[in-house]
Amino acid sequence: MKVSIILPTFNEVGNILELIQDLRRILSESYDLEIIVVDDGSTDGTRELLSGDGSQLVDFLICRDSDRGLAQSLHAGISIASGDQILVMDTDFTHDPEEALLMLELSEHFDIVSGSRFAQGGTMSNSRHYMASFLFNMVLRLILRTQVQDNTGGYWTAKTTTIRRLPLDVVFKGFGEYYFRLLFLSFQLGASIVEVPSHYGKRRSGQSKANFIKMIFTYSKSAITFRIKIRNAENQTGLN
């Protein structure tokens, strides 16, 4: 099976080559890999590293300088992916590449496999962040009326055909909030989804770009707006 691994970067010069090397070491014996790195305007030398010393490790390097955002970067990667399967993860080692093999093995039986901090056995290095994210995901579950435990994790693999059935322009906008839209709409289309326990660690190098307070506000607003649109669409369908 061919797996397109989509790696979004923004100032990850200290992490990206080691991550790609680890993924190739872990997965190359079992899968045909296509590594797609989508850089979102890095200024720390990430692009230069990938187009220079790291060029032989990367199949495609997409450099984006406008319409920036994590979700838009993933959309750009998905649009050129040629694999049967898509694998998406953060590029700072908060997502453990060792877990990718099990996720891909399970993908033979499910349309989407999601690495979850909140499935039984899932953990996170930062206990305060874990608890805040856990409580926030409970709120998201109430807003979205979903049973998914981790709607914001962003470590996932899916059949390419499943993802391309989605309205990609609706799903992939903004930042990490794209993920609850992806899961929700996939479920509505009848996709099978399984959450597997995952350990979310600390970044190995560089500065975190996340602002948790801002994220809560943005994601909550997006979830409420999204749910209202879905309900209105359902009501219109009922009237018709």
Protein backbone atom coordinates (compact mmCIF):
# COMPACT_ATOMS: atom_id res chain seq x y z
CA MET A 1 0.00 0.00 0.00
CA LYS A 2 1.18 3.49 -0.82
CA VAL A 3 0.97 6.01 2.03
CA SER A 4 1.15 9.75 1.46
CA ILE A 5 2.53 11.34 4.64
CA ILE A 6 1.62 15.02 4.81
CA LEU A 7 3.85 17.05 7.14
CA PRO A 8 2.94 20.72 7.71
CA THR A 9 5.87 22.87 8.82
CA PHE A 10 6.35 26.33 10.22
CA ASN A 11 9.82 26.97 11.65
CA GLU A 12 10.68 23.31 12.34
CA VAL A 13 14.33 23.31 11.21
CA GLY A 14 15.36 21.44 14.36
CA ASN A 15 12.80 18.64 13.98
CA ILE A 16 11.75 17.93 10.43
CA LEU A 17 14.64 15.87 9.05
CA GLU A 18 14.84 13.67 12.14
CA LEU A 19 11.09 13.08 11.96
CA ILE A 20 11.21 12.08 8.28
CA GLN A 21 14.15 9.77 8.96
CA ASP A 22 12.22 8.13 11.81
CA LEU A 23 9.11 7.68 9.66
CA ARG A 24 11.10 6.08 6.88
CA ARG A 25 12.85 3.79 9.35
CA ILE A 26 9.58 2.72 10.99
CA LEU A 27 7.34 2.41 7.93
CA SER A 28 9.42 1.78 4.80
CA GLU A 29 9.55 -2.00 5.21
CA SER A 30 5.76 -2.26 5.27
CA TYR A 31 4.61 0.59 3.03
CA ASP A 32 5.53 2.55 -0.06
CA LEU A 33 5.96 6.07 1.30
CA GLU A 34 5.36 9.44 -0.33
CA ILE A 35 6.62 12.27 1.88
CA ILE A 36 4.90 15.61 1.24
CA VAL A 37 6.12 18.57 3.30
CA VAL A 38 4.02 21.72 3.16
CA ASP A 39 5.83 24.73 4.53
CA ASP A 40 3.73 27.66 5.71
CA GLY A 41 6.20 30.54 5.47
CA SER A 42 9.08 29.36 7.65
CA THR A 43 11.82 31.91 8.32
CA ASP A 44 14.23 29.74 10.33
CA GLY A 45 15.82 27.83 7.45
CA THR A 46 13.32 24.96 7.28
CA ARG A 47 12.76 25.43 3.56
CA GLU A 48 16.45 25.73 2.79
CA LEU A 49 17.18 22.57 4.74
CA LEU A 50 14.47 20.61 2.94
CA SER A 51 15.48 21.82 -0.48
CA GLY A 52 19.16 21.23 0.28
CA ASP A 53 20.45 18.49 2.60
CA GLY A 54 16.98 17.01 3.07
CA SER A 55 15.89 17.00 -0.55
CA GLN A 56 16.53 13.26 -1.01
CA LEU A 57 14.23 12.44 1.90
CA VAL A 58 11.27 14.44 0.59
CA ASP A 59 9.17 13.60 -2.45
CA PHE A 60 7.38 16.96 -2.61
CA LEU A 61 8.05 20.30 -0.92
CA ILE A 62 5.22 22.82 -1.21
CA CYS A 63 6.13 26.37 -0.14
CA ARG A 64 3.19 28.58 0.76
CA ASP A 65 3.41 32.32 1.44
CA SER A 66 -0.23 33.36 1.16
CA ASP A 67 -3.56 32.09 2.53
CA ARG A 68 -1.55 30.67 5.38
CA GLY A 69 -2.88 28.28 8.01
CA LEU A 70 -2.46 24.69 9.10
CA ALA A 71 -5.66 23.49 7.47
CA GLN A 72 -4.92 25.16 4.16
CA SER A 73 -1.47 23.57 4.17
CA LEU A 74 -3.00 20.13 4.66
CA HIS A 75 -5.44 20.81 1.83
CA ALA A 76 -2.51 21.64 -0.44
CA GLY A 77 -0.81 18.37 0.49
CA ILE A 78 -3.94 16.28 0.03
CA SER A 79 -4.53 17.81 -3.38
CA ILE A 80 -1.31 16.27 -4.77
CA ALA A 81 -1.22 13.05 -2.71
CA SER A 82 -1.07 9.92 -4.85
CA GLY A 83 -1.18 7.34 -2.05
CA ASP A 84 -4.01 4.96 -1.19
CA GLN A 85 -3.73 6.20 2.38
CA ILE A 86 -3.06 9.60 3.93
CA LEU A 87 -1.18 10.06 7.20
CA VAL A 88 -1.10 13.47 8.92
CA MET A 89 0.88 14.44 12.00
CA ASP A 90 2.57 17.42 13.66
CA THR A 91 6.22 17.92 12.83
CA ASP A 92 7.59 18.80 16.28
CA PHE A 93 7.45 15.25 17.75
CA THR A 94 4.38 15.94 19.89
CA HIS A 95 2.95 13.10 17.80
CA ASP A 96 5.02 9.94 18.24
CA PRO A 97 6.10 8.47 14.89
CA GLU A 98 6.37 5.02 16.51
CA GLU A 99 2.56 4.97 16.76
CA ALA A 100 2.09 5.41 13.02
CA LEU A 101 2.68 1.73 12.24
CA LEU A 102 -0.23 0.52 14.41
CA MET A 103 -2.47 3.27 13.05
CA LEU A 104 -1.74 2.20 9.49
CA GLU A 105 -2.28 -1.46 10.32
CA LEU A 106 -5.71 -0.61 11.76
CA SER A 107 -6.53 1.43 8.66
CA GLU A 108 -7.05 -1.86 6.84
CA HIS A 109 -10.26 -2.22 8.88
CA PHE A 110 -11.40 1.41 9.33
CA ASP A 111 -11.78 4.42 7.06
CA ILE A 112 -10.22 6.80 9.61
CA VAL A 113 -7.89 6.00 12.51
CA SER A 114 -7.43 8.85 14.99
CA GLY A 115 -4.65 9.04 17.57
CA SER A 116 -6.50 10.06 20.72
CA ARG A 117 -5.22 11.49 23.99
CA PHE A 118 -8.51 10.65 25.66
CA ALA A 119 -9.15 7.09 24.53
CA GLN A 120 -8.35 4.63 27.33
CA GLY A 121 -4.57 4.49 27.58
CA GLY A 122 -3.99 7.83 25.87
CA THR A 123 -1.77 10.37 27.64
CA MET A 124 -0.10 13.74 27.31
CA SER A 125 3.20 14.94 28.78
CA ASN A 126 1.80 18.28 29.94
CA SER A 127 -0.78 17.37 32.59
CA ARG A 128 -2.30 20.88 32.73
CA HIS A 129 -2.70 20.98 28.97
CA TYR A 130 -4.12 17.46 29.06
CA MET A 131 -6.83 18.40 31.57
CA ALA A 132 -7.70 21.66 29.82
CA SER A 133 -7.93 19.87 26.46
CA PHE A 134 -9.99 17.07 28.00
CA LEU A 135 -12.54 19.53 29.42
CA PHE A 136 -12.63 21.53 26.20
CA ASN A 137 -13.26 18.37 24.18
CA MET A 138 -16.17 17.55 26.47
CA VAL A 139 -17.64 20.95 25.53
CA LEU A 140 -17.01 20.24 21.84
CA ARG A 141 -18.80 16.91 22.16
CA LEU A 142 -21.85 18.71 23.58
CA ILE A 143 -21.80 21.32 20.81
CA LEU A 144 -21.28 18.83 18.01
CA ARG A 145 -23.29 16.00 19.58
CA THR A 146 -20.59 13.51 18.76
CA GLN A 147 -19.07 10.57 20.61
CA VAL A 148 -15.55 11.31 19.41
CA GLN A 149 -13.37 11.83 22.47
CA ASP A 150 -10.51 13.80 20.90
CA ASN A 151 -11.78 16.27 18.31
CA THR A 152 -8.64 18.43 18.20
CA GLY A 153 -5.72 15.98 18.22
CA GLY A 154 -4.78 16.11 14.55
CA TYR A 155 -2.84 12.82 14.41
CA TRP A 156 -4.71 10.66 11.92
CA THR A 157 -4.67 8.39 8.94
CA ALA A 158 -7.48 7.87 6.45
CA LYS A 159 -8.22 6.28 3.14
CA THR A 160 -7.61 8.87 0.43
CA THR A 161 -10.97 8.09 -1.15
CA THR A 162 -12.71 8.82 2.17
CA ILE A 163 -11.09 12.25 2.53
CA ARG A 164 -11.74 13.23 -1.06
CA ARG A 165 -15.46 12.58 -0.61
CA LEU A 166 -15.56 15.50 1.84
CA PRO A 167 -16.19 19.14 0.91
CA LEU A 168 -12.50 19.99 1.28
CA ASP A 169 -12.97 23.75 1.04
CA VAL A 170 -15.36 23.56 4.00
CA VAL A 171 -13.19 21.27 6.12
CA PHE A 172 -9.72 22.64 5.52
CA LYS A 173 -9.69 26.25 6.65
CA GLY A 174 -8.15 27.88 9.69
CA PHE A 175 -5.97 25.88 12.02
CA GLY A 176 -6.61 22.83 14.20
CA GLU A 177 -10.38 23.31 14.19
CA TYR A 178 -10.43 21.66 10.77
CA TYR A 179 -10.19 18.31 12.56
CA PHE A 180 -13.60 18.29 14.22
CA ARG A 181 -15.16 19.21 10.87
CA LEU A 182 -13.29 16.36 9.17
CA LEU A 183 -14.44 13.80 11.75
CA PHE A 184 -18.02 15.05 11.93
CA LEU A 185 -18.59 15.17 8.17
CA SER A 186 -16.83 11.85 7.61
CA PHE A 187 -19.16 10.21 10.12
CA GLN A 188 -22.17 11.78 8.40
CA LEU A 189 -21.01 10.22 5.14
CA GLY A 190 -20.90 6.80 6.80
CA ALA A 191 -17.15 6.47 7.30
CA SER A 192 -15.96 4.09 9.99
CA ILE A 193 -13.82 5.88 12.60
CA VAL A 194 -11.77 4.40 15.43
CA GLU A 195 -9.81 6.22 18.11
CA VAL A 196 -6.64 4.59 19.37
CA PRO A 197 -4.75 5.65 22.50
CA SER A 198 -1.89 8.00 21.72
CA HIS A 199 0.77 9.78 23.77
CA TYR A 200 1.20 13.43 22.93
CA GLY A 201 4.68 14.49 24.02
CA LYS A 202 6.67 17.70 24.24
CA ARG A 203 8.19 19.33 21.19
CA ARG A 204 11.86 18.48 20.86
CA SER A 205 13.12 21.72 19.38
CA GLY A 206 11.89 25.24 18.73
CA GLN A 207 9.08 27.32 20.10
CA SER A 208 5.43 26.32 20.31
CA LYS A 209 3.15 28.43 18.13
CA ALA A 210 -0.02 27.52 20.03
CA ASN A 211 -1.92 30.03 22.15
CA PHE A 212 -4.30 27.86 24.15
CA ILE A 213 -6.65 30.66 25.29
CA LYS A 214 -6.97 31.99 21.75
CA MET A 215 -7.44 28.44 20.48
CA ILE A 216 -10.35 27.78 22.86
CA PHE A 217 -12.14 30.92 21.73
CA THR A 218 -11.51 30.30 18.01
CA TYR A 219 -12.40 26.61 18.11
CA SER A 220 -15.55 27.19 20.18
CA LYS A 221 -16.77 29.89 17.80
CA SER A 222 -16.01 27.66 14.81
CA ALA A 223 -17.79 24.69 16.38
CA ILE A 224 -20.93 26.68 17.19
CA THR A 225 -21.04 28.26 13.72
CA PHE A 226 -20.45 24.89 12.08
CA ARG A 227 -23.15 23.17 14.14
CA ILE A 228 -25.69 25.91 13.32
CA LYS A 229 -24.95 25.52 9.60
CA ILE A 230 -25.36 21.76 9.84
CA ARG A 231 -28.65 22.10 11.72
CA ASN A 232 -29.97 24.63 9.21
CA ALA A 233 -29.01 22.33 6.36
CA GLU A 234 -30.77 19.43 8.07
CA ASN A 235 -33.88 21.53 8.58
CA GLN A 236 -33.87 22.58 4.91
CA THR A 237 -33.56 18.94 3.90
CA GLY A 238 -36.47 18.07 6.16
CA LEU A 239 -38.61 20.77 4.58
CA ASN A 240 -37.79 19.50 1.13
